[in-house]
Amino acid sequence: MQKRKLGKSNLEVSAIGLGCMGMSWSYGPPKDKQEMISLLHAAVERGVTFFDTAEVYGPLVNEELVGEALAPFRGKVVIATKFGWEANPNDGGKWSSLNSRPEHIKQVAEGRSSGCGSMPSIFSINIALT
């Protein structure tokens, strides 16, 4: 598997990454957890080291799945996650409200020790430009 360096950092990832959203959210009902863990392990065995998730996928369920499945490979894989959404009480509690306020960023960053197992390698925010 070819590798790529990200930006000016020393983070090196596989040229092919795996987006994990559909494992627990969006494309029909959540998939079987053990099957998805096996799929993530198989991806690592084939040289994939870059995995993408987000707090809104589930919400939080996808980060937990990816974190649990990739825990045995900690230090060998790169997990990218996104945040900046929150439950919208005006939309039935759906995670449809953007929140990029500094206090929310701090709250999410400090709470990230759950979910992906530890602070992800790449942590990006969805920004509300209003």
C-alpha atoms as a PDB file:
ATOM      1  CA  MET A   1       0.000   0.000   0.000  1.00  0.00           C
ATOM      2  CA  GLN A   2       1.354   3.404  -0.932  1.00  0.00           C
ATOM      3  CA  LYS A   3       1.683   6.000   1.823  1.00  0.00           C
ATOM      4  CA  ARG A   4       1.141   9.760   1.938  1.00  0.00           C
ATOM      5  CA  LYS A   5       2.404  12.391   4.378  1.00  0.00           C
ATOM      6  CA  LEU A   6      -0.280  14.808   5.497  1.00  0.00           C
ATOM      7  CA  GLY A   7       0.652  18.459   5.186  1.00  0.00           C
ATOM      8  CA  LYS A   8       3.779  19.520   7.004  1.00  0.00           C
ATOM      9  CA  SER A   9       3.239  17.000   9.781  1.00  0.00           C
ATOM     10  CA  ASN A  10       4.944  13.667  10.186  1.00  0.00           C
ATOM     11  CA  LEU A  11       1.604  11.889   9.987  1.00  0.00           C
ATOM     12  CA  GLU A  12       1.824   9.232   7.316  1.00  0.00           C
ATOM     13  CA  VAL A  13      -1.286   7.426   6.116  1.00  0.00           C
ATOM     14  CA  SER A  14      -2.179   4.861   3.507  1.00  0.00           C
ATOM     15  CA  ALA A  15      -3.046   6.279   0.087  1.00  0.00           C
ATOM     16  CA  ILE A  16      -6.428   4.589   0.443  1.00  0.00           C
ATOM     17  CA  GLY A  17      -8.476   5.361   3.541  1.00  0.00           C
ATOM     18  CA  LEU A  18     -11.725   3.961   4.833  1.00  0.00           C
ATOM     19  CA  GLY A  19     -14.729   6.169   5.542  1.00  0.00           C
ATOM     20  CA  CYS A  20     -16.725   4.505   8.298  1.00  0.00           C
ATOM     21  CA  MET A  21     -20.013   6.454   8.276  1.00  0.00           C
ATOM     22  CA  GLY A  22     -22.103   3.743   6.643  1.00  0.00           C
ATOM     23  CA  MET A  23     -21.152   1.173   9.267  1.00  0.00           C
ATOM     24  CA  SER A  24     -23.491   2.636  11.849  1.00  0.00           C
ATOM     25  CA  TRP A  25     -25.416   5.487  10.250  1.00  0.00           C
ATOM     26  CA  SER A  26     -26.918   6.880   7.046  1.00  0.00           C
ATOM     27  CA  TYR A  27     -27.003   4.008   4.541  1.00  0.00           C
ATOM     28  CA  GLY A  28     -29.844   2.000   6.031  1.00  0.00           C
ATOM     29  CA  PRO A  29     -29.894   0.443   9.485  1.00  0.00           C
ATOM     30  CA  PRO A  30     -26.660   0.065  11.464  1.00  0.00           C
ATOM     31  CA  LYS A  31     -24.623  -2.928  10.379  1.00  0.00           C
ATOM     32  CA  ASP A  32     -23.725  -5.844  12.647  1.00  0.00           C
ATOM     33  CA  LYS A  33     -21.064  -4.625  15.082  1.00  0.00           C
ATOM     34  CA  GLN A  34     -18.907  -7.755  14.951  1.00  0.00           C
ATOM     35  CA  GLU A  35     -18.995  -7.757  11.142  1.00  0.00           C
ATOM     36  CA  MET A  36     -17.848  -4.129  11.085  1.00  0.00           C
ATOM     37  CA  ILE A  37     -15.048  -4.845  13.574  1.00  0.00           C
ATOM     38  CA  SER A  38     -13.935  -7.710  11.328  1.00  0.00           C
ATOM     39  CA  LEU A  39     -14.093  -5.406   8.296  1.00  0.00           C
ATOM     40  CA  LEU A  40     -11.951  -2.769  10.050  1.00  0.00           C
ATOM     41  CA  HIS A  41      -9.404  -5.418  11.077  1.00  0.00           C
ATOM     42  CA  ALA A  42      -9.303  -6.749   7.505  1.00  0.00           C
ATOM     43  CA  ALA A  43      -8.668  -3.233   6.210  1.00  0.00           C
ATOM     44  CA  VAL A  44      -5.674  -2.858   8.547  1.00  0.00           C
ATOM     45  CA  GLU A  45      -4.367  -6.281   7.507  1.00  0.00           C
ATOM     46  CA  ARG A  46      -4.484  -5.059   3.880  1.00  0.00           C
ATOM     47  CA  GLY A  47      -2.472  -1.934   4.684  1.00  0.00           C
ATOM     48  CA  VAL A  48      -5.174   0.675   5.298  1.00  0.00           C
ATOM     49  CA  THR A  49      -4.045   3.029   8.069  1.00  0.00           C
ATOM     50  CA  PHE A  50      -6.402   6.014   7.597  1.00  0.00           C
ATOM     51  CA  PHE A  51      -9.962   5.868   8.981  1.00  0.00           C
ATOM     52  CA  ASP A  52     -12.596   8.620   8.974  1.00  0.00           C
ATOM     53  CA  THR A  53     -15.507   9.021  11.397  1.00  0.00           C
ATOM     54  CA  ALA A  54     -17.505  11.838  13.035  1.00  0.00           C
ATOM     55  CA  GLU A  55     -19.401  12.443  16.246  1.00  0.00           C
ATOM     56  CA  VAL A  56     -22.621  13.015  14.289  1.00  0.00           C
ATOM     57  CA  TYR A  57     -22.565   9.481  12.824  1.00  0.00           C
ATOM     58  CA  GLY A  58     -24.823   7.735  15.258  1.00  0.00           C
ATOM     59  CA  PRO A  59     -24.428  10.202  17.008  1.00  0.00           C
ATOM     60  CA  LEU A  60     -21.209   9.051  18.712  1.00  0.00           C
ATOM     61  CA  VAL A  61     -21.909   5.390  17.861  1.00  0.00           C
ATOM     62  CA  ASN A  62     -19.526   5.349  14.886  1.00  0.00           C
ATOM     63  CA  GLU A  63     -16.638   6.856  16.860  1.00  0.00           C
ATOM     64  CA  GLU A  64     -17.168   4.220  19.547  1.00  0.00           C
ATOM     65  CA  LEU A  65     -17.200   1.417  16.976  1.00  0.00           C
ATOM     66  CA  VAL A  66     -14.056   2.659  15.213  1.00  0.00           C
ATOM     67  CA  GLY A  67     -12.271   3.281  18.520  1.00  0.00           C
ATOM     68  CA  GLU A  68     -13.079  -0.179  19.835  1.00  0.00           C
ATOM     69  CA  ALA A  69     -12.195  -1.973  16.614  1.00  0.00           C
ATOM     70  CA  LEU A  70      -8.907  -0.136  16.091  1.00  0.00           C
ATOM     71  CA  ALA A  71      -7.742  -0.161  19.729  1.00  0.00           C
ATOM     72  CA  PRO A  72      -5.395  -3.127  19.066  1.00  0.00           C
ATOM     73  CA  PHE A  73      -3.715  -1.073  16.317  1.00  0.00           C
ATOM     74  CA  ARG A  74      -3.225   2.143  18.332  1.00  0.00           C
ATOM     75  CA  GLY A  75      -0.090   3.918  17.099  1.00  0.00           C
ATOM     76  CA  LYS A  76      -0.260   2.106  13.752  1.00  0.00           C
ATOM     77  CA  VAL A  77      -3.402   3.757  12.381  1.00  0.00           C
ATOM     78  CA  VAL A  78      -4.673   7.316  12.014  1.00  0.00           C
ATOM     79  CA  ILE A  79      -8.245   8.135  12.991  1.00  0.00           C
ATOM     80  CA  ALA A  80      -9.765  11.352  11.683  1.00  0.00           C
ATOM     81  CA  THR A  81     -12.950  12.588  13.308  1.00  0.00           C
ATOM     82  CA  LYS A  82     -15.095  15.657  12.903  1.00  0.00           C
ATOM     83  CA  PHE A  83     -17.221  17.562  15.360  1.00  0.00           C
ATOM     84  CA  GLY A  84     -19.227  20.767  15.583  1.00  0.00           C
ATOM     85  CA  TRP A  85     -22.771  19.450  15.517  1.00  0.00           C
ATOM     86  CA  GLU A  86     -25.159  19.200  18.436  1.00  0.00           C
ATOM     87  CA  ALA A  87     -28.695  18.118  19.136  1.00  0.00           C
ATOM     88  CA  ASN A  88     -31.267  20.640  17.960  1.00  0.00           C
ATOM     89  CA  PRO A  89     -34.265  20.838  20.330  1.00  0.00           C
ATOM     90  CA  ASN A  90     -36.246  22.602  17.576  1.00  0.00           C
ATOM     91  CA  ASP A  91     -35.725  19.604  15.267  1.00  0.00           C
ATOM     92  CA  GLY A  92     -36.803  16.771  17.560  1.00  0.00           C
ATOM     93  CA  GLY A  93     -33.323  16.389  19.043  1.00  0.00           C
ATOM     94  CA  LYS A  94     -31.693  15.531  15.702  1.00  0.00           C
ATOM     95  CA  TRP A  95     -28.035  16.474  15.422  1.00  0.00           C
ATOM     96  CA  SER A  96     -28.775  19.208  12.903  1.00  0.00           C
ATOM     97  CA  SER A  97     -27.419  22.282  14.659  1.00  0.00           C
ATOM     98  CA  LEU A  98     -23.868  23.542  14.074  1.00  0.00           C
ATOM     99  CA  ASN A  99     -21.973  24.748  17.121  1.00  0.00           C
ATOM    100  CA  SER A 100     -18.442  26.086  16.686  1.00  0.00           C
ATOM    101  CA  ARG A 101     -18.392  28.254  19.811  1.00  0.00           C
ATOM    102  CA  PRO A 102     -15.092  28.059  21.776  1.00  0.00           C
ATOM    103  CA  GLU A 103     -16.776  26.607  24.871  1.00  0.00           C
ATOM    104  CA  HIS A 104     -18.265  23.810  22.764  1.00  0.00           C
ATOM    105  CA  ILE A 105     -14.894  23.082  21.147  1.00  0.00           C
ATOM    106  CA  LYS A 106     -13.319  22.769  24.604  1.00  0.00           C
ATOM    107  CA  GLN A 107     -16.143  20.551  25.871  1.00  0.00           C
ATOM    108  CA  VAL A 108     -15.884  18.201  22.895  1.00  0.00           C
ATOM    109  CA  ALA A 109     -12.073  18.050  22.936  1.00  0.00           C
ATOM    110  CA  GLU A 110     -11.968  17.280  26.652  1.00  0.00           C
ATOM    111  CA  GLY A 111     -14.637  14.609  26.285  1.00  0.00           C
ATOM    112  CA  ARG A 112     -12.972  12.911  23.326  1.00  0.00           C
ATOM    113  CA  SER A 113     -11.135  10.427  25.582  1.00  0.00           C
ATOM    114  CA  SER A 114     -14.308   8.373  25.208  1.00  0.00           C
ATOM    115  CA  GLY A 115     -15.459   7.493  21.717  1.00  0.00           C
ATOM    116  CA  CYS A 116     -12.290   6.971  19.713  1.00  0.00           C
ATOM    117  CA  GLY A 117     -10.473   5.679  22.782  1.00  0.00           C
ATOM    118  CA  SER A 118      -8.118   8.635  22.985  1.00  0.00           C
ATOM    119  CA  MET A 119      -7.662  11.911  21.163  1.00  0.00           C
ATOM    120  CA  PRO A 120      -7.844  11.113  17.447  1.00  0.00           C
ATOM    121  CA  SER A 121      -4.844  11.849  15.259  1.00  0.00           C
ATOM    122  CA  ILE A 122      -6.884  14.330  13.219  1.00  0.00           C
ATOM    123  CA  PHE A 123      -9.600  16.361  14.880  1.00  0.00           C
ATOM    124  CA  SER A 124     -11.527  18.792  12.664  1.00  0.00           C
ATOM    125  CA  ILE A 125     -14.539  21.008  13.195  1.00  0.00           C
ATOM    126  CA  ASN A 126     -17.566  21.773  11.071  1.00  0.00           C
ATOM    127  CA  ILE A 127     -17.714  25.566  11.237  1.00  0.00           C
ATOM    128  CA  ALA A 128     -20.859  27.662  11.343  1.00  0.00           C
ATOM    129  CA  LEU A 129     -20.117  30.786   9.301  1.00  0.00           C
ATOM    130  CA  THR A 130     -23.118  32.780  10.450  1.00  0.00           C
END
